[in-house]
Structures are given as structure tokens and as C-alpha cells.
Amino acid sequence: RIGSESSDTGTVVPAGVQLGLGVKTAAVYRIHEQGDVLGTENKLDIAIQGDGFFIVDLPNGDTAYTRSGNFQLSPDGEIVNADGYPISPGLTVPDDTVELTINAEGIVAAKVQGQIAPIEVGQFELASFVNSAGLEAIGNNFLMETPASGPATIGNPGADGFGTMLQGFLEGSNVNPVQEITALITAQRAYDLNSKIISASDEMMAAVAQLR
């Protein structure tokens, strides 16, 4: 205990005795930095440029969040994700749509056969968090809100600090392979150096023990 009396002399040791307990993991978190955008030429592929997450309604009634924008149309014409879960708010495309456009603000417009002017279907919404690193990963690129992430702030793309949308693109990985491999090599060399120091110390102690 810090500031406790010594059992031998009765004196007070200011620093006390502090025993280390080793090393343990304090936290594991995801880095939600912008990844490279990759062109797909699929009109239902959408990349978010900037801050924000797509909002997905799960079958159990929960709300999940994702950066994965590979969407498709359900048999009813509703825009759903790759797992068939609808986005929030629900967006349904007319059956006789011949062309679908999604602008930077997330406004979905459908050009219907026989009509010149496109019909506005609706607008995507995005969610933002004070601490996105605190979101809980539940698999399939889905994230859940937690007390650490804070409540979701809902807004439209391009407004109030939210990112914009890019149709026909998907966001790729934000991992920099060169940087990560360099960091791995640096850590490995540091480990090897420490191992050699320990081996040299053992050899020196063994040599001292043999002196007479």
C-alpha cells in the first residue's frame, strides 16, 4: 500500500510497494476512416463519402448501421441490402422503372416507362455517432448502438456534417497494407532484439557463475 508503514522498521515508505499484474487488453475498436471508393457500374451500389452510416431494419425489430452500400431490389421493388433487409426509411421503386438515379444528397428518382420527367421516390437517411469506435459489431458488416457510441443522430446526406452519396461505387477497405506490414516488421525486429538481449544476459550470468 502506498504510504504504509514498513513492518521491519516502522518507517513510512512514500512510494509503497506496487506490484505489476502483467499486460491485458484494455479495448478493441474499429477505425471507421474513409476507405477508397471502387467503381462497380451497378446503379444500386452506393458509397458514402464522409461521415455517416446506412440505417437497416433487422427482422427482430432492431436497428443496425453499416457502411456497406451494395443494395438491391426486393420482389416488391423495395430497396434492401444484400441480406434482404430494408433500409430506413423504406424506399420502394415503381415496377415499370427503366432508370434509377441517386444523387449526392441521397434523393432517389425513378424514370418510369412512358414518362419524361422522373418520379422522386424518397431520400436516404444517414446516422452519425459521437464515438463511432464504440459501436458493437454483430457480423455481416452490421454495427449496433451502445452506451459507448452514444445515441444515433439522423440526418440527410450532405447536410449538417453528413457525408454525400456516390452512385455506382462501393467503399473498399480502409486498411493500408504497406503501413501495416511495416509496423509488423518493426514489432518483429524489436521482439528479436529483446530476445537477443535476454540471451546475452543469460550467457553473461552463466559465465559469472563459473568464475572461481
C-alpha atoms as a PDB file:
ATOM      1  CA  ARG A   1       0.000   0.000   0.000  1.00  0.00           C
ATOM      2  CA  ILE A   2       1.253   3.469  -0.849  1.00  0.00           C
ATOM      3  CA  GLY A   3       2.273   5.447   2.243  1.00  0.00           C
ATOM      4  CA  SER A   4       2.036   2.441   4.594  1.00  0.00           C
ATOM      5  CA  GLU A   5       4.425   1.659   7.450  1.00  0.00           C
ATOM      6  CA  SER A   6       7.229  -0.824   6.965  1.00  0.00           C
ATOM      7  CA  SER A   7       6.774  -3.994   9.039  1.00  0.00           C
ATOM      8  CA  ASP A   8      10.529  -4.120   9.743  1.00  0.00           C
ATOM      9  CA  THR A   9      11.428  -0.582  10.746  1.00  0.00           C
ATOM     10  CA  GLY A  10       8.062   1.111  11.262  1.00  0.00           C
ATOM     11  CA  THR A  11       9.015   3.869   8.842  1.00  0.00           C
ATOM     12  CA  VAL A  12       6.635   5.173   6.211  1.00  0.00           C
ATOM     13  CA  VAL A  13       7.639   4.454   2.623  1.00  0.00           C
ATOM     14  CA  PRO A  14       6.233   7.243   0.418  1.00  0.00           C
ATOM     15  CA  ALA A  15       6.035   5.153  -2.740  1.00  0.00           C
ATOM     16  CA  GLY A  16       4.938   1.941  -1.094  1.00  0.00           C
ATOM     17  CA  VAL A  17       5.198  -1.352  -2.938  1.00  0.00           C
ATOM     18  CA  GLN A  18       3.370  -1.600  -6.250  1.00  0.00           C
ATOM     19  CA  LEU A  19       3.352  -5.000  -7.911  1.00  0.00           C
ATOM     20  CA  GLY A  20       2.732  -5.276 -11.643  1.00  0.00           C
ATOM     21  CA  LEU A  21      -0.039  -7.565 -12.827  1.00  0.00           C
ATOM     22  CA  GLY A  22       1.213  -8.038 -16.365  1.00  0.00           C
ATOM     23  CA  VAL A  23      -0.418  -6.845 -19.562  1.00  0.00           C
ATOM     24  CA  LYS A  24      -4.023  -7.276 -20.613  1.00  0.00           C
ATOM     25  CA  THR A  25      -6.231  -5.959 -23.398  1.00  0.00           C
ATOM     26  CA  ALA A  26      -7.915  -2.699 -22.466  1.00  0.00           C
ATOM     27  CA  ALA A  27     -10.084  -2.290 -25.564  1.00  0.00           C
ATOM     28  CA  VAL A  28     -10.608  -3.482 -29.129  1.00  0.00           C
ATOM     29  CA  TYR A  29     -12.155  -0.971 -31.502  1.00  0.00           C
ATOM     30  CA  ARG A  30     -12.734  -0.398 -35.208  1.00  0.00           C
ATOM     31  CA  ILE A  31     -11.319   2.513 -37.162  1.00  0.00           C
ATOM     32  CA  HIS A  32     -14.072   3.981 -39.322  1.00  0.00           C
ATOM     33  CA  GLU A  33     -11.897   6.094 -41.569  1.00  0.00           C
ATOM     34  CA  GLN A  34     -12.892   6.629 -45.193  1.00  0.00           C
ATOM     35  CA  GLY A  35     -11.799   3.798 -47.486  1.00  0.00           C
ATOM     36  CA  ASP A  36     -11.105   4.007 -51.205  1.00  0.00           C
ATOM     37  CA  VAL A  37     -14.189   4.048 -53.451  1.00  0.00           C
ATOM     38  CA  LEU A  38     -14.333   1.431 -56.204  1.00  0.00           C
ATOM     39  CA  GLY A  39     -16.465   1.759 -59.336  1.00  0.00           C
ATOM     40  CA  THR A  40     -18.965  -1.062 -59.991  1.00  0.00           C
ATOM     41  CA  GLU A  41     -21.341   0.423 -62.626  1.00  0.00           C
ATOM     42  CA  ASN A  42     -24.221  -1.003 -60.565  1.00  0.00           C
ATOM     43  CA  LYS A  43     -26.867   1.684 -60.050  1.00  0.00           C
ATOM     44  CA  LEU A  44     -27.779   0.242 -56.639  1.00  0.00           C
ATOM     45  CA  ASP A  45     -24.230   0.324 -55.286  1.00  0.00           C
ATOM     46  CA  ILE A  46     -23.718   3.420 -53.136  1.00  0.00           C
ATOM     47  CA  ALA A  47     -20.604   4.650 -51.352  1.00  0.00           C
ATOM     48  CA  ILE A  48     -20.687   7.200 -48.538  1.00  0.00           C
ATOM     49  CA  GLN A  49     -18.066   9.902 -48.954  1.00  0.00           C
ATOM     50  CA  GLY A  50     -17.546  11.262 -45.466  1.00  0.00           C
ATOM     51  CA  ASP A  51     -19.251  10.629 -42.139  1.00  0.00           C
ATOM     52  CA  GLY A  52     -22.353   8.506 -41.741  1.00  0.00           C
ATOM     53  CA  PHE A  53     -23.843   5.021 -41.728  1.00  0.00           C
ATOM     54  CA  PHE A  54     -26.733   3.471 -43.631  1.00  0.00           C
ATOM     55  CA  ILE A  55     -29.683   2.554 -41.399  1.00  0.00           C
ATOM     56  CA  VAL A  56     -31.008  -1.016 -41.724  1.00  0.00           C
ATOM     57  CA  ASP A  57     -34.107  -2.551 -40.117  1.00  0.00           C
ATOM     58  CA  LEU A  58     -33.372  -6.073 -38.858  1.00  0.00           C
ATOM     59  CA  PRO A  59     -36.040  -8.828 -38.804  1.00  0.00           C
ATOM     60  CA  ASN A  60     -36.122  -8.827 -34.976  1.00  0.00           C
ATOM     61  CA  GLY A  61     -37.080  -5.151 -34.915  1.00  0.00           C
ATOM     62  CA  ASP A  62     -33.629  -3.839 -34.005  1.00  0.00           C
ATOM     63  CA  THR A  63     -31.876  -1.120 -35.958  1.00  0.00           C
ATOM     64  CA  ALA A  64     -28.401  -1.758 -37.330  1.00  0.00           C
ATOM     65  CA  TYR A  65     -25.896   0.527 -39.021  1.00  0.00           C
ATOM     66  CA  THR A  66     -23.464  -0.198 -41.832  1.00  0.00           C
ATOM     67  CA  ARG A  67     -21.132   1.405 -44.356  1.00  0.00           C
ATOM     68  CA  SER A  68     -21.805  -1.402 -46.834  1.00  0.00           C
ATOM     69  CA  GLY A  69     -23.835   0.049 -49.696  1.00  0.00           C
ATOM     70  CA  ASN A  70     -24.395  -2.933 -52.004  1.00  0.00           C
ATOM     71  CA  PHE A  71     -28.174  -2.698 -52.297  1.00  0.00           C
ATOM     72  CA  GLN A  72     -30.715  -4.496 -54.452  1.00  0.00           C
ATOM     73  CA  LEU A  73     -34.455  -4.525 -55.151  1.00  0.00           C
ATOM     74  CA  SER A  74     -36.796  -6.943 -53.397  1.00  0.00           C
ATOM     75  CA  PRO A  75     -39.610  -8.651 -55.378  1.00  0.00           C
ATOM     76  CA  ASP A  76     -41.859  -5.814 -54.182  1.00  0.00           C
ATOM     77  CA  GLY A  77     -39.479  -3.168 -55.523  1.00  0.00           C
ATOM     78  CA  GLU A  78     -38.186  -2.130 -52.096  1.00  0.00           C
ATOM     79  CA  ILE A  79     -34.531  -1.145 -51.775  1.00  0.00           C
ATOM     80  CA  VAL A  80     -32.891  -3.704 -49.469  1.00  0.00           C
ATOM     81  CA  ASN A  81     -29.346  -4.654 -48.528  1.00  0.00           C
ATOM     82  CA  ALA A  82     -27.514  -7.798 -49.647  1.00  0.00           C
ATOM     83  CA  ASP A  83     -29.240  -9.817 -46.900  1.00  0.00           C
ATOM     84  CA  GLY A  84     -32.694  -8.637 -47.978  1.00  0.00           C
ATOM     85  CA  TYR A  85     -33.202  -6.281 -45.018  1.00  0.00           C
ATOM     86  CA  PRO A  86     -34.932  -2.968 -45.797  1.00  0.00           C
ATOM     87  CA  ILE A  87     -33.213   0.324 -45.253  1.00  0.00           C
ATOM     88  CA  SER A  88     -34.710   3.071 -43.133  1.00  0.00           C
ATOM     89  CA  PRO A  89     -36.671   4.969 -44.258  1.00  0.00           C
ATOM     90  CA  GLY A  90     -38.271   2.473 -46.631  1.00  0.00           C
ATOM     91  CA  LEU A  91     -37.839   3.270 -50.318  1.00  0.00           C
ATOM     92  CA  THR A  92     -39.941   1.459 -52.943  1.00  0.00           C
ATOM     93  CA  VAL A  93     -39.287   1.776 -56.671  1.00  0.00           C
ATOM     94  CA  PRO A  94     -42.192   1.577 -59.191  1.00  0.00           C
ATOM     95  CA  ASP A  95     -42.466  -1.680 -61.164  1.00  0.00           C
ATOM     96  CA  ASP A  96     -42.094  -0.053 -64.590  1.00  0.00           C
ATOM     97  CA  THR A  97     -38.907   1.838 -63.713  1.00  0.00           C
ATOM     98  CA  VAL A  98     -36.420   1.962 -66.579  1.00  0.00           C
ATOM     99  CA  GLU A  99     -33.743   4.087 -64.909  1.00  0.00           C
ATOM    100  CA  LEU A 100     -32.870   4.813 -61.286  1.00  0.00           C
ATOM    101  CA  THR A 101     -30.711   7.715 -60.145  1.00  0.00           C
ATOM    102  CA  ILE A 102     -29.441   8.586 -56.666  1.00  0.00           C
ATOM    103  CA  ASN A 103     -27.796  11.980 -56.281  1.00  0.00           C
ATOM    104  CA  ALA A 104     -25.213  13.173 -53.757  1.00  0.00           C
ATOM    105  CA  GLU A 105     -27.947  14.188 -51.288  1.00  0.00           C
ATOM    106  CA  GLY A 106     -29.414  10.665 -51.356  1.00  0.00           C
ATOM    107  CA  ILE A 107     -32.550  11.616 -53.303  1.00  0.00           C
ATOM    108  CA  VAL A 108     -33.826   8.611 -55.271  1.00  0.00           C
ATOM    109  CA  ALA A 109     -35.520   9.355 -58.603  1.00  0.00           C
ATOM    110  CA  ALA A 110     -37.100   6.755 -60.893  1.00  0.00           C
ATOM    111  CA  LYS A 111     -37.714   7.260 -64.589  1.00  0.00           C
ATOM    112  CA  VAL A 112     -40.895   5.361 -65.395  1.00  0.00           C
ATOM    113  CA  GLN A 113     -41.611   3.952 -68.824  1.00  0.00           C
ATOM    114  CA  GLY A 114     -43.780   6.287 -70.882  1.00  0.00           C
ATOM    115  CA  GLN A 115     -42.987   9.373 -68.792  1.00  0.00           C
ATOM    116  CA  ILE A 116     -40.392  12.039 -69.489  1.00  0.00           C
ATOM    117  CA  ALA A 117     -39.935  13.512 -66.023  1.00  0.00           C
ATOM    118  CA  PRO A 118     -38.515  11.202 -63.315  1.00  0.00           C
ATOM    119  CA  ILE A 119     -40.520  10.476 -60.163  1.00  0.00           C
ATOM    120  CA  GLU A 120     -38.937  11.226 -56.790  1.00  0.00           C
ATOM    121  CA  VAL A 121     -39.174   8.035 -54.733  1.00  0.00           C
ATOM    122  CA  GLY A 122     -37.691   9.335 -51.480  1.00  0.00           C
ATOM    123  CA  GLN A 123     -34.412  10.159 -49.804  1.00  0.00           C
ATOM    124  CA  PHE A 124     -31.812   8.125 -47.960  1.00  0.00           C
ATOM    125  CA  GLU A 125     -31.039   8.953 -44.349  1.00  0.00           C
ATOM    126  CA  LEU A 126     -27.720   8.521 -42.575  1.00  0.00           C
ATOM    127  CA  ALA A 127     -26.809   8.017 -38.929  1.00  0.00           C
ATOM    128  CA  SER A 128     -23.850   9.575 -37.142  1.00  0.00           C
ATOM    129  CA  PHE A 129     -22.359   8.921 -33.701  1.00  0.00           C
ATOM    130  CA  VAL A 130     -20.250  10.941 -31.299  1.00  0.00           C
ATOM    131  CA  ASN A 131     -17.979   7.914 -30.812  1.00  0.00           C
ATOM    132  CA  SER A 132     -18.342   5.523 -33.740  1.00  0.00           C
ATOM    133  CA  ALA A 133     -15.491   3.395 -32.307  1.00  0.00           C
ATOM    134  CA  GLY A 134     -17.906   2.439 -29.513  1.00  0.00           C
ATOM    135  CA  LEU A 135     -20.341   0.696 -31.888  1.00  0.00           C
ATOM    136  CA  GLU A 136     -20.760  -3.052 -31.384  1.00  0.00           C
ATOM    137  CA  ALA A 137     -20.047  -5.306 -34.369  1.00  0.00           C
ATOM    138  CA  ILE A 138     -22.639  -8.091 -34.733  1.00  0.00           C
ATOM    139  CA  GLY A 139     -21.442  -9.590 -38.018  1.00  0.00           C
ATOM    140  CA  ASN A 140     -22.250  -9.133 -41.729  1.00  0.00           C
ATOM    141  CA  ASN A 141     -20.863  -5.578 -41.571  1.00  0.00           C
ATOM    142  CA  PHE A 142     -23.620  -4.602 -39.122  1.00  0.00           C
ATOM    143  CA  LEU A 143     -22.997  -2.359 -36.117  1.00  0.00           C
ATOM    144  CA  MET A 144     -25.230  -1.721 -33.118  1.00  0.00           C
ATOM    145  CA  GLU A 145     -25.598   1.355 -30.952  1.00  0.00           C
ATOM    146  CA  THR A 146     -24.107   1.109 -27.443  1.00  0.00           C
ATOM    147  CA  PRO A 147     -23.767   3.452 -24.450  1.00  0.00           C
ATOM    148  CA  ALA A 148     -20.138   3.972 -25.523  1.00  0.00           C
ATOM    149  CA  SER A 149     -21.118   5.117 -29.029  1.00  0.00           C
ATOM    150  CA  GLY A 150     -23.861   7.415 -27.841  1.00  0.00           C
ATOM    151  CA  PRO A 151     -27.284   7.726 -29.499  1.00  0.00           C
ATOM    152  CA  ALA A 152     -27.582   7.969 -33.260  1.00  0.00           C
ATOM    153  CA  THR A 153     -28.026  11.370 -34.885  1.00  0.00           C
ATOM    154  CA  ILE A 154     -30.153  11.036 -38.023  1.00  0.00           C
ATOM    155  CA  GLY A 155     -29.802  13.367 -40.990  1.00  0.00           C
ATOM    156  CA  ASN A 156     -29.746  13.626 -44.773  1.00  0.00           C
ATOM    157  CA  PRO A 157     -26.613  13.128 -46.870  1.00  0.00           C
ATOM    158  CA  GLY A 158     -24.671  16.318 -47.433  1.00  0.00           C
ATOM    159  CA  ALA A 159     -26.335  18.175 -44.548  1.00  0.00           C
ATOM    160  CA  ASP A 160     -25.091  19.033 -41.045  1.00  0.00           C
ATOM    161  CA  GLY A 161     -21.719  17.345 -41.419  1.00  0.00           C
ATOM    162  CA  PHE A 162     -23.013  14.133 -43.006  1.00  0.00           C
ATOM    163  CA  GLY A 163     -21.197  12.626 -45.966  1.00  0.00           C
ATOM    164  CA  THR A 164     -22.512  12.579 -49.506  1.00  0.00           C
ATOM    165  CA  MET A 165     -23.505   9.597 -51.660  1.00  0.00           C
ATOM    166  CA  LEU A 166     -21.810   8.314 -54.782  1.00  0.00           C
ATOM    167  CA  GLN A 167     -23.937   6.079 -57.007  1.00  0.00           C
ATOM    168  CA  GLY A 168     -22.273   3.195 -58.821  1.00  0.00           C
ATOM    169  CA  PHE A 169     -19.429   2.882 -56.320  1.00  0.00           C
ATOM    170  CA  LEU A 170     -18.640   0.846 -53.204  1.00  0.00           C
ATOM    171  CA  GLU A 171     -16.300   1.716 -50.359  1.00  0.00           C
ATOM    172  CA  GLY A 172     -13.286  -0.540 -50.142  1.00  0.00           C
ATOM    173  CA  SER A 173     -11.120  -1.447 -47.178  1.00  0.00           C
ATOM    174  CA  ASN A 174      -9.521   1.413 -45.256  1.00  0.00           C
ATOM    175  CA  VAL A 175      -6.513  -0.730 -44.303  1.00  0.00           C
ATOM    176  CA  ASN A 176      -3.135   0.430 -45.651  1.00  0.00           C
ATOM    177  CA  PRO A 177      -1.279  -2.860 -46.323  1.00  0.00           C
ATOM    178  CA  VAL A 178       2.161  -1.230 -46.685  1.00  0.00           C
ATOM    179  CA  GLN A 179       1.810   0.641 -43.396  1.00  0.00           C
ATOM    180  CA  GLU A 180       0.557  -2.432 -41.528  1.00  0.00           C
ATOM    181  CA  ILE A 181       3.318  -4.709 -42.879  1.00  0.00           C
ATOM    182  CA  THR A 182       5.928  -2.098 -41.955  1.00  0.00           C
ATOM    183  CA  ALA A 183       4.547  -1.904 -38.419  1.00  0.00           C
ATOM    184  CA  LEU A 184       4.564  -5.716 -38.183  1.00  0.00           C
ATOM    185  CA  ILE A 185       8.192  -5.935 -39.315  1.00  0.00           C
ATOM    186  CA  THR A 186       9.183  -3.222 -36.819  1.00  0.00           C
ATOM    187  CA  ALA A 187       7.479  -5.097 -33.976  1.00  0.00           C
ATOM    188  CA  GLN A 188       9.092  -8.375 -35.027  1.00  0.00           C
ATOM    189  CA  ARG A 189      12.575  -6.837 -35.075  1.00  0.00           C
ATOM    190  CA  ALA A 190      12.014  -5.277 -31.658  1.00  0.00           C
ATOM    191  CA  TYR A 191      10.968  -8.700 -30.332  1.00  0.00           C
ATOM    192  CA  ASP A 192      14.049 -10.353 -31.843  1.00  0.00           C
ATOM    193  CA  LEU A 193      16.292  -7.664 -30.338  1.00  0.00           C
ATOM    194  CA  ASN A 194      14.801  -8.145 -26.875  1.00  0.00           C
ATOM    195  CA  SER A 195      15.250 -11.910 -27.186  1.00  0.00           C
ATOM    196  CA  LYS A 196      18.929 -11.453 -28.055  1.00  0.00           C
ATOM    197  CA  ILE A 197      19.407  -9.133 -25.073  1.00  0.00           C
ATOM    198  CA  ILE A 198      17.921 -11.754 -22.742  1.00  0.00           C
ATOM    199  CA  SER A 199      20.099 -14.489 -24.273  1.00  0.00           C
ATOM    200  CA  ALA A 200      23.231 -12.355 -23.907  1.00  0.00           C
ATOM    201  CA  SER A 201      22.329 -11.611 -20.289  1.00  0.00           C
ATOM    202  CA  ASP A 202      21.873 -15.318 -19.561  1.00  0.00           C
ATOM    203  CA  GLU A 203      25.260 -16.110 -21.104  1.00  0.00           C
ATOM    204  CA  MET A 204      26.953 -13.408 -19.029  1.00  0.00           C
ATOM    205  CA  MET A 205      25.333 -14.672 -15.818  1.00  0.00           C
ATOM    206  CA  ALA A 206      26.382 -18.221 -16.650  1.00  0.00           C
ATOM    207  CA  ALA A 207      29.963 -17.065 -17.235  1.00  0.00           C
ATOM    208  CA  VAL A 208      29.988 -15.192 -13.906  1.00  0.00           C
ATOM    209  CA  ALA A 209      28.669 -18.256 -12.090  1.00  0.00           C
ATOM    210  CA  GLN A 210      31.583 -20.326 -13.409  1.00  0.00           C
ATOM    211  CA  LEU A 211      34.241 -17.895 -12.150  1.00  0.00           C
ATOM    212  CA  ARG A 212      36.230 -19.056  -9.143  1.00  0.00           C
END
